[in-house]
């Protein structure tokens, strides 16, 4: 395809720095998430230690940084993953964890309406991942991954983001999803991170795997006795 002959790739000096920074955010968020049962005075020092280790070792001695080895296995996290992890770090640092008593009950209709846009984004991510996986196995007549180098793909996803905000912008979750997608597209358009391909900026294997597990868990919870109507 013409648009894939000479793709616009990220700057050589910017790509390594973005790789260390995005993996540092992801690992720091993972430490906070998996240690959420511990006190904050234990979780945050551990998270900062992992993030500083990833960054400092990455810049001065890459072989000692976990980002180097993770990058060999998974390349770099998507812009979506990086922004979600950064948002989680900011939230955990600025607001205390909500008590379980303040959370909405599973059957609360207002909570389900508020999460509908996020659920839709998760379903779209799962479907996109399967499309790209089948493309890797050469199951489609056209190379879907190559479309990610096309400016038309960026324009199309941008139009969908604007449409989401215009149609469902009254919902808080829809505004949050629109803001996330807009930030991802802006970062990609400005820097072409992480690989120059739009699909890599939107989705990565780890995020896709996490979305599959979340959707499977939601489906299993919905199949439990007493969850369905009747």
Foldseek 3Di string as FASTA:
>chain_A
DVLLPDFDWFDPVVQLQQLLQLVLLLQLLVQCVVVVVDDPVPSNVVSVVLSCQSNVCSVPPNVRHVSNVVCVVFNGAALLSSVVSVVSVVCVVPDPDDDPVPDDDPPDPVVCVLCVLVLVLLVVLLVVVVVQVVLVVVNDPDNPQSCQRDVVVLVVLLVVLVVLCVPVVVHPNSVVVSVSSVVLSVCCVVGVPDTSGSNSNSGTPVSNVVSVVVVVVVVVVCPDPPNDDD
